Amino acid sequence: LSADREEVSVRRALELGVSDYLSKPLNV
């Protein structure tokens, strides 16, 4: 979960094997 949409952070999260990525602010 993050408002951080920096490509480096997203790429690193994907490399570490996240199942999904939810953007903030949260839409219920």
mmCIF file of all heavy atoms, coordinates in Angstrom:
data_MODEL
# 
_entry.id   MODEL 
# 
loop_
_atom_site.group_PDB 
_atom_site.id 
_atom_site.type_symbol 
_atom_site.label_atom_id 
_atom_site.label_alt_id 
_atom_site.label_comp_id 
_atom_site.label_asym_id 
_atom_site.label_entity_id 
_atom_site.label_seq_id 
_atom_site.pdbx_PDB_ins_code 
_atom_site.Cartn_x 
_atom_site.Cartn_y 
_atom_site.Cartn_z 
_atom_site.occupancy 
_atom_site.B_iso_or_equiv 
_atom_site.pdbx_formal_charge 
_atom_site.auth_seq_id 
_atom_site.auth_comp_id 
_atom_site.auth_asym_id 
_atom_site.auth_atom_id 
_atom_site.pdbx_PDB_model_num 
ATOM 1   N N   . LEU A 1 1  ? 0.868   -1.183  0.000   1.00 0.00 ? 1  LEU A N   1 
ATOM 2   C CA  . LEU A 1 1  ? 0.000   0.000   0.000   1.00 0.00 ? 1  LEU A CA  1 
ATOM 3   C C   . LEU A 1 1  ? 0.894   1.220   0.000   1.00 0.00 ? 1  LEU A C   1 
ATOM 4   O O   . LEU A 1 1  ? 1.788   1.308   0.838   1.00 0.00 ? 1  LEU A O   1 
ATOM 5   C CB  . LEU A 1 1  ? -0.833  0.051   1.283   1.00 0.00 ? 1  LEU A CB  1 
ATOM 6   C CG  . LEU A 1 1  ? -1.600  -1.192  1.670   1.00 0.00 ? 1  LEU A CG  1 
ATOM 7   C CD1 . LEU A 1 1  ? -1.936  -1.154  3.136   1.00 0.00 ? 1  LEU A CD1 1 
ATOM 8   C CD2 . LEU A 1 1  ? -2.853  -1.265  0.836   1.00 0.00 ? 1  LEU A CD2 1 
ATOM 9   N N   . SER A 1 2  ? 0.661   2.141   -0.924  1.00 0.00 ? 2  SER A N   1 
ATOM 10  C CA  . SER A 1 2  ? 1.498   3.330   -0.884  1.00 0.00 ? 2  SER A CA  1 
ATOM 11  C C   . SER A 1 2  ? 1.006   4.429   -1.811  1.00 0.00 ? 2  SER A C   1 
ATOM 12  O O   . SER A 1 2  ? 0.431   4.151   -2.860  1.00 0.00 ? 2  SER A O   1 
ATOM 13  C CB  . SER A 1 2  ? 2.936   2.977   -1.259  1.00 0.00 ? 2  SER A CB  1 
ATOM 14  O OG  . SER A 1 2  ? 3.767   4.092   -1.022  1.00 0.00 ? 2  SER A OG  1 
ATOM 15  N N   . ALA A 1 3  ? 1.260   5.640   -1.405  1.00 0.00 ? 3  ALA A N   1 
ATOM 16  C CA  . ALA A 1 3  ? 1.045   6.793   -2.269  1.00 0.00 ? 3  ALA A CA  1 
ATOM 17  C C   . ALA A 1 3  ? 2.301   7.023   -3.106  1.00 0.00 ? 3  ALA A C   1 
ATOM 18  O O   . ALA A 1 3  ? 2.298   7.783   -4.059  1.00 0.00 ? 3  ALA A O   1 
ATOM 19  C CB  . ALA A 1 3  ? 0.745   8.028   -1.431  1.00 0.00 ? 3  ALA A CB  1 
ATOM 20  N N   . ASP A 1 4  ? 3.372   6.318   -2.749  1.00 0.00 ? 4  ASP A N   1 
ATOM 21  C CA  . ASP A 1 4  ? 4.656   6.425   -3.446  1.00 0.00 ? 4  ASP A CA  1 
ATOM 22  C C   . ASP A 1 4  ? 4.570   5.679   -4.773  1.00 0.00 ? 4  ASP A C   1 
ATOM 23  O O   . ASP A 1 4  ? 4.471   4.466   -4.813  1.00 0.00 ? 4  ASP A O   1 
ATOM 24  C CB  . ASP A 1 4  ? 5.759   5.818   -2.575  1.00 0.00 ? 4  ASP A CB  1 
ATOM 25  C CG  . ASP A 1 4  ? 7.135   5.937   -3.187  1.00 0.00 ? 4  ASP A CG  1 
ATOM 26  O OD1 . ASP A 1 4  ? 7.256   6.506   -4.291  1.00 0.00 ? 4  ASP A OD1 1 
ATOM 27  O OD2 . ASP A 1 4  ? 8.096   5.456   -2.564  1.00 0.00 ? 4  ASP A OD2 1 
ATOM 28  N N   . ARG A 1 5  ? 4.587   6.425   -5.857  1.00 0.00 ? 5  ARG A N   1 
ATOM 29  C CA  . ARG A 1 5  ? 4.497   5.801   -7.177  1.00 0.00 ? 5  ARG A CA  1 
ATOM 30  C C   . ARG A 1 5  ? 5.826   5.892   -7.933  1.00 0.00 ? 5  ARG A C   1 
ATOM 31  O O   . ARG A 1 5  ? 5.863   5.750   -9.138  1.00 0.00 ? 5  ARG A O   1 
ATOM 32  C CB  . ARG A 1 5  ? 3.380   6.465   -7.984  1.00 0.00 ? 5  ARG A CB  1 
ATOM 33  C CG  . ARG A 1 5  ? 2.009   6.137   -7.421  1.00 0.00 ? 5  ARG A CG  1 
ATOM 34  C CD  . ARG A 1 5  ? 0.910   6.688   -8.300  1.00 0.00 ? 5  ARG A CD  1 
ATOM 35  N NE  . ARG A 1 5  ? -0.387  6.393   -7.720  1.00 0.00 ? 5  ARG A NE  1 
ATOM 36  C CZ  . ARG A 1 5  ? -1.046  7.204   -6.911  1.00 0.00 ? 5  ARG A CZ  1 
ATOM 37  N NH1 . ARG A 1 5  ? -0.534  8.355   -6.587  1.00 0.00 ? 5  ARG A NH1 1 
ATOM 38  N NH2 . ARG A 1 5  ? -2.227  6.864   -6.430  1.00 0.00 ? 5  ARG A NH2 1 
ATOM 39  N N   . GLU A 1 6  ? 6.904   6.138   -7.186  1.00 0.00 ? 6  GLU A N   1 
ATOM 40  C CA  . GLU A 1 6  ? 8.223   6.210   -7.808  1.00 0.00 ? 6  GLU A CA  1 
ATOM 41  C C   . GLU A 1 6  ? 8.556   4.866   -8.432  1.00 0.00 ? 6  GLU A C   1 
ATOM 42  O O   . GLU A 1 6  ? 8.406   3.820   -7.803  1.00 0.00 ? 6  GLU A O   1 
ATOM 43  C CB  . GLU A 1 6  ? 9.286   6.555   -6.761  1.00 0.00 ? 6  GLU A CB  1 
ATOM 44  C CG  . GLU A 1 6  ? 9.392   8.017   -6.484  1.00 0.00 ? 6  GLU A CG  1 
ATOM 45  C CD  . GLU A 1 6  ? 10.651  8.321   -5.692  1.00 0.00 ? 6  GLU A CD  1 
ATOM 46  O OE1 . GLU A 1 6  ? 11.700  7.687   -5.930  1.00 0.00 ? 6  GLU A OE1 1 
ATOM 47  O OE2 . GLU A 1 6  ? 10.567  9.203   -4.837  1.00 0.00 ? 6  GLU A OE2 1 
ATOM 48  N N   . GLU A 1 7  ? 8.999   4.925   -9.659  1.00 0.00 ? 7  GLU A N   1 
ATOM 49  C CA  . GLU A 1 7  ? 9.285   3.700   -10.406 1.00 0.00 ? 7  GLU A CA  1 
ATOM 50  C C   . GLU A 1 7  ? 10.279  2.797   -9.678  1.00 0.00 ? 7  GLU A C   1 
ATOM 51  O O   . GLU A 1 7  ? 10.129  1.579   -9.670  1.00 0.00 ? 7  GLU A O   1 
ATOM 52  C CB  . GLU A 1 7  ? 9.809   4.046   -11.797 1.00 0.00 ? 7  GLU A CB  1 
ATOM 53  C CG  . GLU A 1 7  ? 10.006  2.830   -12.670 1.00 0.00 ? 7  GLU A CG  1 
ATOM 54  C CD  . GLU A 1 7  ? 10.484  3.177   -14.066 1.00 0.00 ? 7  GLU A CD  1 
ATOM 55  O OE1 . GLU A 1 7  ? 10.290  4.323   -14.498 1.00 0.00 ? 7  GLU A OE1 1 
ATOM 56  O OE2 . GLU A 1 7  ? 11.050  2.288   -14.704 1.00 0.00 ? 7  GLU A OE2 1 
ATOM 57  N N   . VAL A 1 8  ? 11.284  3.379   -9.041  1.00 0.00 ? 8  VAL A N   1 
ATOM 58  C CA  . VAL A 1 8  ? 12.305  2.590   -8.350  1.00 0.00 ? 8  VAL A CA  1 
ATOM 59  C C   . VAL A 1 8  ? 11.674  1.785   -7.214  1.00 0.00 ? 8  VAL A C   1 
ATOM 60  O O   . VAL A 1 8  ? 11.949  0.587   -7.057  1.00 0.00 ? 8  VAL A O   1 
ATOM 61  C CB  . VAL A 1 8  ? 13.434  3.496   -7.815  1.00 0.00 ? 8  VAL A CB  1 
ATOM 62  C CG1 . VAL A 1 8  ? 14.401  2.733   -6.943  1.00 0.00 ? 8  VAL A CG1 1 
ATOM 63  C CG2 . VAL A 1 8  ? 14.155  4.167   -8.963  1.00 0.00 ? 8  VAL A CG2 1 
ATOM 64  N N   . SER A 1 9  ? 10.805  2.412   -6.426  1.00 0.00 ? 9  SER A N   1 
ATOM 65  C CA  . SER A 1 9  ? 10.154  1.722   -5.313  1.00 0.00 ? 9  SER A CA  1 
ATOM 66  C C   . SER A 1 9  ? 9.223   0.623   -5.806  1.00 0.00 ? 9  SER A C   1 
ATOM 67  O O   . SER A 1 9  ? 9.217   -0.488  -5.276  1.00 0.00 ? 9  SER A O   1 
ATOM 68  C CB  . SER A 1 9  ? 9.348   2.708   -4.457  1.00 0.00 ? 9  SER A CB  1 
ATOM 69  O OG  . SER A 1 9  ? 10.193  3.654   -3.882  1.00 0.00 ? 9  SER A OG  1 
ATOM 70  N N   . VAL A 1 10 ? 8.445   0.924   -6.821  1.00 0.00 ? 10 VAL A N   1 
ATOM 71  C CA  . VAL A 1 10 ? 7.509   -0.058  -7.376  1.00 0.00 ? 10 VAL A CA  1 
ATOM 72  C C   . VAL A 1 10 ? 8.282   -1.237  -7.955  1.00 0.00 ? 10 VAL A C   1 
ATOM 73  O O   . VAL A 1 10 ? 7.948   -2.398  -7.702  1.00 0.00 ? 10 VAL A O   1 
ATOM 74  C CB  . VAL A 1 10 ? 6.596   0.589   -8.442  1.00 0.00 ? 10 VAL A CB  1 
ATOM 75  C CG1 . VAL A 1 10 ? 5.739   -0.467  -9.130  1.00 0.00 ? 10 VAL A CG1 1 
ATOM 76  C CG2 . VAL A 1 10 ? 5.712   1.659   -7.804  1.00 0.00 ? 10 VAL A CG2 1 
ATOM 77  N N   . ARG A 1 11 ? 9.339   -0.959  -8.711  1.00 0.00 ? 11 ARG A N   1 
ATOM 78  C CA  . ARG A 1 11 ? 10.138  -2.021  -9.313  1.00 0.00 ? 11 ARG A CA  1 
ATOM 79  C C   . ARG A 1 11 ? 10.761  -2.910  -8.236  1.00 0.00 ? 11 ARG A C   1 
ATOM 80  O O   . ARG A 1 11 ? 10.750  -4.133  -8.336  1.00 0.00 ? 11 ARG A O   1 
ATOM 81  C CB  . ARG A 1 11 ? 11.227  -1.442  -10.208 1.00 0.00 ? 11 ARG A CB  1 
ATOM 82  C CG  . ARG A 1 11 ? 11.995  -2.549  -10.939 1.00 0.00 ? 11 ARG A CG  1 
ATOM 83  C CD  . ARG A 1 11 ? 13.088  -2.060  -11.882 1.00 0.00 ? 11 ARG A CD  1 
ATOM 84  N NE  . ARG A 1 11 ? 12.646  -1.011  -12.761 1.00 0.00 ? 11 ARG A NE  1 
ATOM 85  C CZ  . ARG A 1 11 ? 13.228  0.190   -12.856 1.00 0.00 ? 11 ARG A CZ  1 
ATOM 86  N NH1 . ARG A 1 11 ? 14.274  0.480   -12.105 1.00 0.00 ? 11 ARG A NH1 1 
ATOM 87  N NH2 . ARG A 1 11 ? 12.790  1.092   -13.681 1.00 0.00 ? 11 ARG A NH2 1 
ATOM 88  N N   . ARG A 1 12 ? 11.288  -2.286  -7.190  1.00 0.00 ? 12 ARG A N   1 
ATOM 89  C CA  . ARG A 1 12 ? 11.919  -3.063  -6.102  1.00 0.00 ? 12 ARG A CA  1 
ATOM 90  C C   . ARG A 1 12 ? 10.877  -3.940  -5.401  1.00 0.00 ? 12 ARG A C   1 
ATOM 91  O O   . ARG A 1 12 ? 11.152  -5.104  -5.095  1.00 0.00 ? 12 ARG A O   1 
ATOM 92  C CB  . ARG A 1 12 ? 12.602  -2.125  -5.106  1.00 0.00 ? 12 ARG A CB  1 
ATOM 93  C CG  . ARG A 1 12 ? 13.295  -2.855  -3.982  1.00 0.00 ? 12 ARG A CG  1 
ATOM 94  C CD  . ARG A 1 12 ? 14.486  -3.666  -4.470  1.00 0.00 ? 12 ARG A CD  1 
ATOM 95  N NE  . ARG A 1 12 ? 15.097  -4.325  -3.333  1.00 0.00 ? 12 ARG A NE  1 
ATOM 96  C CZ  . ARG A 1 12 ? 15.508  -5.580  -3.330  1.00 0.00 ? 12 ARG A CZ  1 
ATOM 97  N NH1 . ARG A 1 12 ? 15.408  -6.320  -4.407  1.00 0.00 ? 12 ARG A NH1 1 
ATOM 98  N NH2 . ARG A 1 12 ? 16.026  -6.113  -2.260  1.00 0.00 ? 12 ARG A NH2 1 
ATOM 99  N N   . ALA A 1 13 ? 9.686   -3.408  -5.156  1.00 0.00 ? 13 ALA A N   1 
ATOM 100 C CA  . ALA A 1 13 ? 8.618   -4.190  -4.530  1.00 0.00 ? 13 ALA A CA  1 
ATOM 101 C C   . ALA A 1 13 ? 8.260   -5.386  -5.407  1.00 0.00 ? 13 ALA A C   1 
ATOM 102 O O   . ALA A 1 13 ? 8.077   -6.504  -4.910  1.00 0.00 ? 13 ALA A O   1 
ATOM 103 C CB  . ALA A 1 13 ? 7.395   -3.314  -4.273  1.00 0.00 ? 13 ALA A CB  1 
ATOM 104 N N   . LEU A 1 14 ? 8.175   -5.171  -6.708  1.00 0.00 ? 14 LEU A N   1 
ATOM 105 C CA  . LEU A 1 14 ? 7.862   -6.268  -7.631  1.00 0.00 ? 14 LEU A CA  1 
ATOM 106 C C   . LEU A 1 14 ? 8.979   -7.314  -7.637  1.00 0.00 ? 14 LEU A C   1 
ATOM 107 O O   . LEU A 1 14 ? 8.710   -8.517  -7.662  1.00 0.00 ? 14 LEU A O   1 
ATOM 108 C CB  . LEU A 1 14 ? 7.617   -5.731  -9.039  1.00 0.00 ? 14 LEU A CB  1 
ATOM 109 C CG  . LEU A 1 14 ? 6.338   -4.907  -9.212  1.00 0.00 ? 14 LEU A CG  1 
ATOM 110 C CD1 . LEU A 1 14 ? 6.310   -4.237  -10.576 1.00 0.00 ? 14 LEU A CD1 1 
ATOM 111 C CD2 . LEU A 1 14 ? 5.104   -5.762  -8.993  1.00 0.00 ? 14 LEU A CD2 1 
ATOM 112 N N   . GLU A 1 15 ? 10.230  -6.856  -7.600  1.00 0.00 ? 15 GLU A N   1 
ATOM 113 C CA  . GLU A 1 15 ? 11.371  -7.782  -7.556  1.00 0.00 ? 15 GLU A CA  1 
ATOM 114 C C   . GLU A 1 15 ? 11.319  -8.655  -6.303  1.00 0.00 ? 15 GLU A C   1 
ATOM 115 O O   . GLU A 1 15 ? 11.736  -9.809  -6.322  1.00 0.00 ? 15 GLU A O   1 
ATOM 116 C CB  . GLU A 1 15 ? 12.695  -7.015  -7.571  1.00 0.00 ? 15 GLU A CB  1 
ATOM 117 C CG  . GLU A 1 15 ? 13.034  -6.397  -8.899  1.00 0.00 ? 15 GLU A CG  1 
ATOM 118 C CD  . GLU A 1 15 ? 14.217  -5.441  -8.814  1.00 0.00 ? 15 GLU A CD  1 
ATOM 119 O OE1 . GLU A 1 15 ? 14.766  -5.213  -7.710  1.00 0.00 ? 15 GLU A OE1 1 
ATOM 120 O OE2 . GLU A 1 15 ? 14.588  -4.887  -9.872  1.00 0.00 ? 15 GLU A OE2 1 
ATOM 121 N N   . LEU A 1 16 ? 10.818  -8.080  -5.209  1.00 0.00 ? 16 LEU A N   1 
ATOM 122 C CA  . LEU A 1 16 ? 10.730  -8.817  -3.943  1.00 0.00 ? 16 LEU A CA  1 
ATOM 123 C C   . LEU A 1 16 ? 9.488   -9.699  -3.869  1.00 0.00 ? 16 LEU A C   1 
ATOM 124 O O   . LEU A 1 16 ? 9.273   -10.393 -2.883  1.00 0.00 ? 16 LEU A O   1 
ATOM 125 C CB  . LEU A 1 16 ? 10.771  -7.836  -2.764  1.00 0.00 ? 16 LEU A CB  1 
ATOM 126 C CG  . LEU A 1 16 ? 12.127  -7.185  -2.528  1.00 0.00 ? 16 LEU A CG  1 
ATOM 127 C CD1 . LEU A 1 16 ? 12.007  -6.009  -1.560  1.00 0.00 ? 16 LEU A CD1 1 
ATOM 128 C CD2 . LEU A 1 16 ? 13.134  -8.212  -2.007  1.00 0.00 ? 16 LEU A CD2 1 
ATOM 129 N N   . GLY A 1 17 ? 8.671   -9.678  -4.912  1.00 0.00 ? 17 GLY A N   1 
ATOM 130 C CA  . GLY A 1 17 ? 7.561   -10.616 -4.998  1.00 0.00 ? 17 GLY A CA  1 
ATOM 131 C C   . GLY A 1 17 ? 6.276   -10.215 -4.312  1.00 0.00 ? 17 GLY A C   1 
ATOM 132 O O   . GLY A 1 17 ? 5.667   -11.039 -3.621  1.00 0.00 ? 17 GLY A O   1 
ATOM 133 N N   . VAL A 1 18 ? 5.830   -8.984  -4.507  1.00 0.00 ? 18 VAL A N   1 
ATOM 134 C CA  . VAL A 1 18 ? 4.533   -8.601  -3.947  1.00 0.00 ? 18 VAL A CA  1 
ATOM 135 C C   . VAL A 1 18 ? 3.411   -9.238  -4.758  1.00 0.00 ? 18 VAL A C   1 
ATOM 136 O O   . VAL A 1 18 ? 3.551   -9.495  -5.949  1.00 0.00 ? 18 VAL A O   1 
ATOM 137 C CB  . VAL A 1 18 ? 4.336   -7.066  -3.880  1.00 0.00 ? 18 VAL A CB  1 
ATOM 138 C CG1 . VAL A 1 18 ? 5.332   -6.443  -2.934  1.00 0.00 ? 18 VAL A CG1 1 
ATOM 139 C CG2 . VAL A 1 18 ? 4.384   -6.425  -5.231  1.00 0.00 ? 18 VAL A CG2 1 
ATOM 140 N N   . SER A 1 19 ? 2.291   -9.484  -4.088  1.00 0.00 ? 19 SER A N   1 
ATOM 141 C CA  . SER A 1 19 ? 1.129   -10.085 -4.751  1.00 0.00 ? 19 SER A CA  1 
ATOM 142 C C   . SER A 1 19 ? 0.287   -9.044  -5.464  1.00 0.00 ? 19 SER A C   1 
ATOM 143 O O   . SER A 1 19 ? -0.363  -9.340  -6.461  1.00 0.00 ? 19 SER A O   1 
ATOM 144 C CB  . SER A 1 19 ? 0.259   -10.806 -3.722  1.00 0.00 ? 19 SER A CB  1 
ATOM 145 O OG  . SER A 1 19 ? 1.001   -11.828 -3.121  1.00 0.00 ? 19 SER A OG  1 
ATOM 146 N N   . ASP A 1 20 ? 0.284   -7.821  -4.938  1.00 0.00 ? 20 ASP A N   1 
ATOM 147 C CA  . ASP A 1 20 ? -0.496  -6.743  -5.533  1.00 0.00 ? 20 ASP A CA  1 
ATOM 148 C C   . ASP A 1 20 ? 0.008   -5.426  -4.970  1.00 0.00 ? 20 ASP A C   1 
ATOM 149 O O   . ASP A 1 20 ? 0.770   -5.400  -4.002  1.00 0.00 ? 20 ASP A O   1 
ATOM 150 C CB  . ASP A 1 20 ? -1.986  -6.922  -5.223  1.00 0.00 ? 20 ASP A CB  1 
ATOM 151 C CG  . ASP A 1 20 ? -2.901  -6.257  -6.251  1.00 0.00 ? 20 ASP A CG  1 
ATOM 152 O OD1 . ASP A 1 20 ? -2.412  -5.416  -7.043  1.00 0.00 ? 20 ASP A OD1 1 
ATOM 153 O OD2 . ASP A 1 20 ? -4.095  -6.567  -6.264  1.00 0.00 ? 20 ASP A OD2 1 
ATOM 154 N N   . TYR A 1 21 ? -0.432  -4.326  -5.587  1.00 0.00 ? 21 TYR A N   1 
ATOM 155 C CA  . TYR A 1 21 ? -0.010  -2.981  -5.197  1.00 0.00 ? 21 TYR A CA  1 
ATOM 156 C C   . TYR A 1 21 ? -1.263  -2.120  -5.172  1.00 0.00 ? 21 TYR A C   1 
ATOM 157 O O   . TYR A 1 21 ? -1.921  -1.975  -6.197  1.00 0.00 ? 21 TYR A O   1 
ATOM 158 C CB  . TYR A 1 21 ? 0.991   -2.457  -6.234  1.00 0.00 ? 21 TYR A CB  1 
ATOM 159 C CG  . TYR A 1 21 ? 1.650   -1.160  -5.872  1.00 0.00 ? 21 TYR A CG  1 
ATOM 160 C CD1 . TYR A 1 21 ? 2.922   -1.139  -5.325  1.00 0.00 ? 21 TYR A CD1 1 
ATOM 161 C CD2 . TYR A 1 21 ? 1.013   0.059   -6.081  1.00 0.00 ? 21 TYR A CD2 1 
ATOM 162 C CE1 . TYR A 1 21 ? 3.546   0.046   -5.005  1.00 0.00 ? 21 TYR A CE1 1 
ATOM 163 C CE2 . TYR A 1 21 ? 1.629   1.254   -5.765  1.00 0.00 ? 21 TYR A CE2 1 
ATOM 164 C CZ  . TYR A 1 21 ? 2.896   1.242   -5.227  1.00 0.00 ? 21 TYR A CZ  1 
ATOM 165 O OH  . TYR A 1 21 ? 3.499   2.418   -4.900  1.00 0.00 ? 21 TYR A OH  1 
ATOM 166 N N   . LEU A 1 22 ? -1.620  -1.605  -4.005  1.00 0.00 ? 22 LEU A N   1 
ATOM 167 C CA  . LEU A 1 22 ? -2.784  -0.735  -3.870  1.00 0.00 ? 22 LEU A CA  1 
ATOM 168 C C   . LEU A 1 22 ? -2.319  0.695   -3.628  1.00 0.00 ? 22 LEU A C   1 
ATOM 169 O O   . LEU A 1 22 ? -1.503  0.944   -2.744  1.00 0.00 ? 22 LEU A O   1 
ATOM 170 C CB  . LEU A 1 22 ? -3.672  -1.190  -2.705  1.00 0.00 ? 22 LEU A CB  1 
ATOM 171 C CG  . LEU A 1 22 ? -4.265  -2.590  -2.814  1.00 0.00 ? 22 LEU A CG  1 
ATOM 172 C CD1 . LEU A 1 22 ? -5.034  -2.926  -1.539  1.00 0.00 ? 22 LEU A CD1 1 
ATOM 173 C CD2 . LEU A 1 22 ? -5.172  -2.709  -4.024  1.00 0.00 ? 22 LEU A CD2 1 
ATOM 174 N N   . SER A 1 23 ? -2.843  1.619   -4.408  1.00 0.00 ? 23 SER A N   1 
ATOM 175 C CA  . SER A 1 23 ? -2.469  3.022   -4.285  1.00 0.00 ? 23 SER A CA  1 
ATOM 176 C C   . SER A 1 23 ? -3.289  3.732   -3.222  1.00 0.00 ? 23 SER A C   1 
ATOM 177 O O   . SER A 1 23 ? -4.458  3.439   -3.030  1.00 0.00 ? 23 SER A O   1 
ATOM 178 C CB  . SER A 1 23 ? -2.672  3.737   -5.623  1.00 0.00 ? 23 SER A CB  1 
ATOM 179 O OG  . SER A 1 23 ? -1.816  3.206   -6.595  1.00 0.00 ? 23 SER A OG  1 
ATOM 180 N N   . LYS A 1 24 ? -2.629  4.665   -2.545  1.00 0.00 ? 24 LYS A N   1 
ATOM 181 C CA  . LYS A 1 24 ? -3.302  5.562   -1.615  1.00 0.00 ? 24 LYS A CA  1 
ATOM 182 C C   . LYS A 1 24 ? -3.559  6.867   -2.348  1.00 0.00 ? 24 LYS A C   1 
ATOM 183 O O   . LYS A 1 24 ? -2.775  7.221   -3.225  1.00 0.00 ? 24 LYS A O   1 
ATOM 184 C CB  . LYS A 1 24 ? -2.425  5.820   -0.386  1.00 0.00 ? 24 LYS A CB  1 
ATOM 185 C CG  . LYS A 1 24 ? -2.269  4.638   0.516   1.00 0.00 ? 24 LYS A CG  1 
ATOM 186 C CD  . LYS A 1 24 ? -1.396  5.071   1.677   1.00 0.00 ? 24 LYS A CD  1 
ATOM 187 C CE  . LYS A 1 24 ? -1.120  3.977   2.647   1.00 0.00 ? 24 LYS A CE  1 
ATOM 188 N NZ  . LYS A 1 24 ? -0.241  4.429   3.724   1.00 0.00 ? 24 LYS A NZ  1 
ATOM 189 N N   . PRO A 1 25 ? -4.580  7.601   -2.010  1.00 0.00 ? 25 PRO A N   1 
ATOM 190 C CA  . PRO A 1 25 ? -5.528  7.314   -0.932  1.00 0.00 ? 25 PRO A CA  1 
ATOM 191 C C   . PRO A 1 25 ? -6.389  6.109   -1.280  1.00 0.00 ? 25 PRO A C   1 
ATOM 192 O O   . PRO A 1 25 ? -6.674  5.837   -2.442  1.00 0.00 ? 25 PRO A O   1 
ATOM 193 C CB  . PRO A 1 25 ? -6.366  8.591   -0.824  1.00 0.00 ? 25 PRO A CB  1 
ATOM 194 C CG  . PRO A 1 25 ? -6.242  9.243   -2.163  1.00 0.00 ? 25 PRO A CG  1 
ATOM 195 C CD  . PRO A 1 25 ? -4.901  8.848   -2.716  1.00 0.00 ? 25 PRO A CD  1 
ATOM 196 N N   . LEU A 1 26 ? -6.789  5.389   -0.227  1.00 0.00 ? 26 LEU A N   1 
ATOM 197 C CA  . LEU A 1 26 ? -7.549  4.160   -0.411  1.00 0.00 ? 26 LEU A CA  1 
ATOM 198 C C   . LEU A 1 26 ? -8.977  4.451   -0.849  1.00 0.00 ? 26 LEU A C   1 
ATOM 199 O O   . LEU A 1 26 ? -9.641  5.316   -0.291  1.00 0.00 ? 26 LEU A O   1 
ATOM 200 C CB  . LEU A 1 26 ? -7.569  3.351   0.887   1.00 0.00 ? 26 LEU A CB  1 
ATOM 201 C CG  . LEU A 1 26 ? -6.212  2.892   1.395   1.00 0.00 ? 26 LEU A CG  1 
ATOM 202 C CD1 . LEU A 1 26 ? -6.375  2.188   2.732   1.00 0.00 ? 26 LEU A CD1 1 
ATOM 203 C CD2 . LEU A 1 26 ? -5.514  1.999   0.395   1.00 0.00 ? 26 LEU A CD2 1 
ATOM 204 N N   . ASN A 1 27 ? -9.422  3.716   -1.830  1.00 0.00 ? 27 ASN A N   1 
ATOM 205 C CA  . ASN A 1 27 ? -10.808 3.770   -2.300  1.00 0.00 ? 27 ASN A CA  1 
ATOM 206 C C   . ASN A 1 27 ? -11.461 2.490   -1.776  1.00 0.00 ? 27 ASN A C   1 
ATOM 207 O O   . ASN A 1 27 ? -11.126 1.391   -2.237  1.00 0.00 ? 27 ASN A O   1 
ATOM 208 C CB  . ASN A 1 27 ? -10.822 3.823   -3.833  1.00 0.00 ? 27 ASN A CB  1 
ATOM 209 C CG  . ASN A 1 27 ? -12.205 3.806   -4.409  1.00 0.00 ? 27 ASN A CG  1 
ATOM 210 O OD1 . ASN A 1 27 ? -13.045 3.004   -4.028  1.00 0.00 ? 27 ASN A OD1 1 
ATOM 211 N ND2 . ASN A 1 27 ? -12.438 4.690   -5.360  1.00 0.00 ? 27 ASN A ND2 1 
ATOM 212 N N   . VAL A 1 28 ? -12.349 2.605   -0.791  1.00 0.00 ? 28 VAL A N   1 
ATOM 213 C CA  . VAL A 1 28 ? -12.887 1.446   -0.084  1.00 0.00 ? 28 VAL A CA  1 
ATOM 214 C C   . VAL A 1 28 ? -13.514 0.409   -1.019  1.00 0.00 ? 28 VAL A C   1 
ATOM 215 O O   . VAL A 1 28 ? -13.199 -0.775  -0.919  1.00 0.00 ? 28 VAL A O   1 
ATOM 216 C CB  . VAL A 1 28 ? -13.849 1.863   1.055   1.00 0.00 ? 28 VAL A CB  1 
ATOM 217 C CG1 . VAL A 1 28 ? -14.544 0.652   1.671   1.00 0.00 ? 28 VAL A CG1 1 
ATOM 218 C CG2 . VAL A 1 28 ? -13.063 2.618   2.127   1.00 0.00 ? 28 VAL A CG2 1 
# 
